[in-house]
N, C-alpha and C. Protein backbone atom coordinates (compact mmCIF):
# COMPACT_ATOMS: atom_id res chain seq x y z
N MET A 1 -1.98 38.59 -15.27
CA MET A 1 -0.78 37.88 -14.85
C MET A 1 -0.91 36.42 -15.22
N ASP A 2 0.21 35.85 -15.62
CA ASP A 2 0.25 34.44 -15.98
C ASP A 2 0.86 33.66 -14.82
N TYR A 3 0.06 32.78 -14.22
CA TYR A 3 0.54 31.98 -13.09
C TYR A 3 0.80 30.53 -13.48
N SER A 4 1.03 30.28 -14.74
CA SER A 4 1.27 28.91 -15.17
C SER A 4 2.62 28.43 -14.64
N LEU A 5 2.73 27.15 -14.45
CA LEU A 5 3.94 26.54 -13.91
C LEU A 5 4.82 26.05 -15.05
N THR A 6 6.07 26.45 -15.02
CA THR A 6 7.03 25.96 -16.01
C THR A 6 7.95 24.98 -15.31
N LEU A 7 8.00 23.77 -15.81
CA LEU A 7 8.87 22.76 -15.23
C LEU A 7 10.27 22.88 -15.83
N LEU A 8 11.24 22.98 -14.98
CA LEU A 8 12.61 23.08 -15.43
C LEU A 8 13.19 21.68 -15.59
N PRO A 9 14.19 21.50 -16.44
CA PRO A 9 14.74 20.15 -16.67
C PRO A 9 15.22 19.45 -15.41
N TRP A 10 15.74 20.19 -14.47
CA TRP A 10 16.26 19.57 -13.25
C TRP A 10 15.16 19.23 -12.25
N TYR A 11 13.94 19.68 -12.49
CA TYR A 11 12.84 19.50 -11.56
C TYR A 11 12.56 18.03 -11.26
N SER A 12 12.71 17.16 -12.24
CA SER A 12 12.40 15.74 -12.04
C SER A 12 13.37 15.05 -11.09
N ASN A 13 14.51 15.69 -10.80
CA ASN A 13 15.50 15.10 -9.89
C ASN A 13 15.27 15.50 -8.44
N ILE A 14 14.31 16.35 -8.18
CA ILE A 14 14.04 16.80 -6.82
C ILE A 14 13.23 15.73 -6.10
N ARG A 15 13.70 15.35 -4.91
CA ARG A 15 12.98 14.38 -4.10
C ARG A 15 12.35 15.09 -2.92
N ILE A 16 11.10 14.84 -2.68
CA ILE A 16 10.42 15.41 -1.53
C ILE A 16 10.53 14.40 -0.40
N MET A 17 11.12 14.82 0.69
CA MET A 17 11.31 13.93 1.82
C MET A 17 10.02 13.89 2.66
N ILE A 18 9.57 12.69 2.96
CA ILE A 18 8.44 12.55 3.86
C ILE A 18 8.91 11.76 5.07
N SER A 19 8.17 11.84 6.14
CA SER A 19 8.58 11.21 7.39
C SER A 19 8.31 9.71 7.38
N ALA A 20 8.91 9.03 8.33
CA ALA A 20 8.69 7.59 8.48
C ALA A 20 7.21 7.31 8.75
N ASP A 21 6.57 8.17 9.54
CA ASP A 21 5.14 7.98 9.84
C ASP A 21 4.30 8.07 8.57
N GLU A 22 4.66 8.98 7.67
CA GLU A 22 3.92 9.11 6.42
C GLU A 22 4.14 7.88 5.54
N TYR A 23 5.36 7.35 5.50
CA TYR A 23 5.61 6.11 4.75
C TYR A 23 4.82 4.96 5.35
N MET A 24 4.70 4.91 6.69
CA MET A 24 3.98 3.82 7.34
C MET A 24 2.49 3.84 6.97
N LYS A 25 1.96 4.99 6.61
CA LYS A 25 0.54 5.09 6.23
C LYS A 25 0.28 4.59 4.81
N LEU A 26 1.34 4.46 4.01
CA LEU A 26 1.16 4.00 2.63
C LEU A 26 0.81 2.51 2.62
N SER A 27 0.07 2.09 1.61
CA SER A 27 -0.41 0.70 1.53
C SER A 27 0.56 -0.18 0.76
N TYR A 28 1.59 -0.64 1.46
CA TYR A 28 2.51 -1.61 0.86
C TYR A 28 1.86 -2.99 0.93
N ARG A 29 2.05 -3.77 -0.11
CA ARG A 29 1.49 -5.13 -0.16
C ARG A 29 2.26 -6.02 0.80
N LEU A 30 1.56 -6.75 1.64
CA LEU A 30 2.15 -7.67 2.60
C LEU A 30 1.78 -9.09 2.20
N GLU A 31 2.78 -9.95 2.06
CA GLU A 31 2.56 -11.37 1.76
C GLU A 31 2.88 -12.18 3.00
N ILE A 32 1.95 -13.04 3.40
CA ILE A 32 2.14 -13.92 4.55
C ILE A 32 1.91 -15.35 4.10
N VAL A 33 2.85 -16.22 4.44
CA VAL A 33 2.73 -17.64 4.08
C VAL A 33 3.03 -18.49 5.31
N PRO A 34 2.35 -19.64 5.44
CA PRO A 34 2.67 -20.56 6.53
C PRO A 34 4.06 -21.14 6.32
N ASP A 35 4.77 -21.37 7.41
CA ASP A 35 6.09 -21.98 7.35
C ASP A 35 5.96 -23.44 7.78
N PRO A 36 5.87 -24.37 6.80
CA PRO A 36 5.63 -25.78 7.14
C PRO A 36 6.80 -26.44 7.87
N ASP A 37 8.00 -25.92 7.69
CA ASP A 37 9.18 -26.53 8.33
C ASP A 37 9.31 -26.12 9.80
N GLU A 38 9.17 -24.84 10.07
CA GLU A 38 9.38 -24.32 11.42
C GLU A 38 8.07 -24.09 12.18
N GLY A 39 6.95 -24.09 11.46
CA GLY A 39 5.68 -23.72 12.07
C GLY A 39 5.56 -22.20 12.06
N GLY A 40 4.39 -21.71 12.32
CA GLY A 40 4.19 -20.27 12.31
C GLY A 40 4.07 -19.73 10.90
N TYR A 41 4.47 -18.49 10.73
CA TYR A 41 4.28 -17.79 9.46
C TYR A 41 5.51 -16.96 9.11
N ALA A 42 5.69 -16.75 7.82
CA ALA A 42 6.72 -15.85 7.31
C ALA A 42 6.00 -14.73 6.56
N ALA A 43 6.53 -13.52 6.66
CA ALA A 43 5.91 -12.37 5.99
C ALA A 43 6.97 -11.53 5.31
N GLN A 44 6.55 -10.90 4.21
CA GLN A 44 7.45 -9.98 3.53
C GLN A 44 6.64 -8.90 2.82
N TYR A 45 7.28 -7.74 2.66
CA TYR A 45 6.74 -6.65 1.84
C TYR A 45 7.54 -6.67 0.55
N PRO A 46 7.00 -7.24 -0.53
CA PRO A 46 7.77 -7.36 -1.77
C PRO A 46 8.26 -6.03 -2.33
N GLU A 47 7.54 -4.95 -2.06
CA GLU A 47 7.94 -3.64 -2.58
C GLU A 47 9.02 -2.99 -1.73
N LEU A 48 9.35 -3.60 -0.59
CA LEU A 48 10.42 -3.12 0.29
C LEU A 48 11.46 -4.23 0.42
N PRO A 49 12.39 -4.30 -0.51
CA PRO A 49 13.38 -5.38 -0.49
C PRO A 49 14.08 -5.51 0.87
N GLY A 50 14.14 -6.74 1.35
CA GLY A 50 14.78 -7.04 2.63
C GLY A 50 13.87 -6.93 3.83
N CYS A 51 12.63 -6.57 3.62
CA CYS A 51 11.69 -6.43 4.73
C CYS A 51 10.95 -7.75 4.91
N ILE A 52 11.56 -8.62 5.70
CA ILE A 52 11.07 -9.99 5.90
C ILE A 52 11.07 -10.28 7.40
N THR A 53 10.06 -11.02 7.87
CA THR A 53 10.00 -11.38 9.27
C THR A 53 9.21 -12.68 9.44
N VAL A 54 9.15 -13.18 10.67
CA VAL A 54 8.40 -14.40 10.99
C VAL A 54 7.63 -14.18 12.29
N GLY A 55 6.70 -15.09 12.56
CA GLY A 55 5.95 -15.08 13.81
C GLY A 55 5.28 -16.42 14.03
N ASP A 56 5.06 -16.76 15.28
CA ASP A 56 4.44 -18.04 15.61
C ASP A 56 2.94 -18.05 15.30
N THR A 57 2.31 -16.89 15.42
CA THR A 57 0.87 -16.79 15.16
C THR A 57 0.64 -15.70 14.11
N MET A 58 -0.57 -15.65 13.57
CA MET A 58 -0.90 -14.62 12.60
C MET A 58 -0.79 -13.23 13.24
N THR A 59 -1.26 -13.10 14.47
CA THR A 59 -1.16 -11.82 15.17
C THR A 59 0.29 -11.40 15.34
N GLU A 60 1.12 -12.33 15.75
CA GLU A 60 2.54 -12.02 15.96
C GLU A 60 3.24 -11.65 14.66
N VAL A 61 2.96 -12.36 13.58
CA VAL A 61 3.63 -12.05 12.32
C VAL A 61 3.18 -10.69 11.79
N LEU A 62 1.92 -10.33 12.00
CA LEU A 62 1.44 -9.01 11.59
C LEU A 62 2.14 -7.90 12.39
N GLU A 63 2.27 -8.08 13.69
CA GLU A 63 2.97 -7.11 14.52
C GLU A 63 4.44 -7.01 14.12
N ASN A 64 5.07 -8.16 13.89
CA ASN A 64 6.49 -8.18 13.50
C ASN A 64 6.69 -7.53 12.13
N ALA A 65 5.73 -7.73 11.24
CA ALA A 65 5.83 -7.13 9.90
C ALA A 65 5.80 -5.61 9.99
N GLU A 66 4.91 -5.07 10.81
CA GLU A 66 4.85 -3.61 10.99
C GLU A 66 6.15 -3.10 11.62
N ASP A 67 6.67 -3.82 12.60
CA ASP A 67 7.94 -3.43 13.23
C ASP A 67 9.09 -3.46 12.22
N ALA A 68 9.12 -4.50 11.40
CA ALA A 68 10.18 -4.63 10.39
C ALA A 68 10.08 -3.51 9.36
N LYS A 69 8.86 -3.19 8.94
CA LYS A 69 8.66 -2.12 7.97
C LYS A 69 9.12 -0.78 8.55
N ARG A 70 8.76 -0.52 9.80
CA ARG A 70 9.14 0.73 10.45
C ARG A 70 10.66 0.82 10.57
N ALA A 71 11.31 -0.26 10.96
CA ALA A 71 12.77 -0.27 11.12
C ALA A 71 13.47 -0.07 9.78
N LEU A 72 12.98 -0.73 8.74
CA LEU A 72 13.60 -0.60 7.42
C LEU A 72 13.45 0.83 6.90
N ILE A 73 12.27 1.40 7.03
CA ILE A 73 12.03 2.77 6.55
C ILE A 73 12.90 3.75 7.32
N ALA A 74 12.98 3.61 8.63
CA ALA A 74 13.81 4.50 9.45
C ALA A 74 15.28 4.41 9.04
N ALA A 75 15.76 3.19 8.81
CA ALA A 75 17.16 3.00 8.41
C ALA A 75 17.43 3.62 7.05
N GLN A 76 16.49 3.44 6.11
CA GLN A 76 16.69 4.00 4.77
C GLN A 76 16.64 5.52 4.79
N LEU A 77 15.77 6.09 5.60
CA LEU A 77 15.72 7.55 5.73
C LEU A 77 17.02 8.07 6.33
N GLU A 78 17.51 7.38 7.35
CA GLU A 78 18.76 7.79 8.00
C GLU A 78 19.94 7.73 7.04
N ASP A 79 19.95 6.71 6.18
CA ASP A 79 21.03 6.55 5.20
C ASP A 79 20.85 7.41 3.96
N GLY A 80 19.70 8.05 3.84
CA GLY A 80 19.42 8.84 2.65
C GLY A 80 19.12 7.99 1.43
N ALA A 81 18.76 6.73 1.67
CA ALA A 81 18.45 5.81 0.57
C ALA A 81 17.02 6.05 0.08
N GLU A 82 16.80 5.71 -1.17
CA GLU A 82 15.47 5.86 -1.75
C GLU A 82 14.55 4.77 -1.21
N ILE A 83 13.33 5.16 -0.88
CA ILE A 83 12.31 4.21 -0.41
C ILE A 83 11.28 4.10 -1.53
N PRO A 84 11.10 2.89 -2.07
CA PRO A 84 10.14 2.74 -3.16
C PRO A 84 8.71 3.02 -2.70
N GLU A 85 7.93 3.60 -3.58
CA GLU A 85 6.51 3.79 -3.30
C GLU A 85 5.78 2.49 -3.58
N PRO A 86 4.69 2.24 -2.86
CA PRO A 86 3.91 1.04 -3.17
C PRO A 86 3.25 1.17 -4.54
N ALA A 87 2.93 0.05 -5.14
CA ALA A 87 2.31 0.04 -6.48
C ALA A 87 1.00 0.82 -6.47
N SER A 88 0.30 0.85 -5.36
CA SER A 88 -0.98 1.55 -5.29
C SER A 88 -0.82 3.06 -5.46
N VAL A 89 0.38 3.60 -5.26
CA VAL A 89 0.63 5.03 -5.38
C VAL A 89 1.17 5.39 -6.75
N ARG A 90 1.85 4.45 -7.38
CA ARG A 90 2.50 4.73 -8.67
C ARG A 90 1.53 5.00 -9.78
C-alpha cells in the first residue's frame, strides 16, 4: 500500500485554528523603551500590529504587555482575523 501524501491545490488555503492559550505560548518579540516625556515605559509587539501598552515600572509594563497581547489575540480570534506567527516560527 502507498501511504504517501498528495497535496491538493486548495490545501495551502486551509488554516488550522489554534487557541488563544496556544498563541500566548509563542515567542513574539517584545520591545520595551523608556518614556522620557511621561516617565515609565512603553512596550509593543512589532509582529502584532496595534499591540502597544505602557507602565510605570518594568514589572507593570511586562504585565500590561501580556494583558494587551492576550486581549488582541482574543479579539482577532473572535473576529476571525489572521494572527501573524512570530518570526521565530516562520
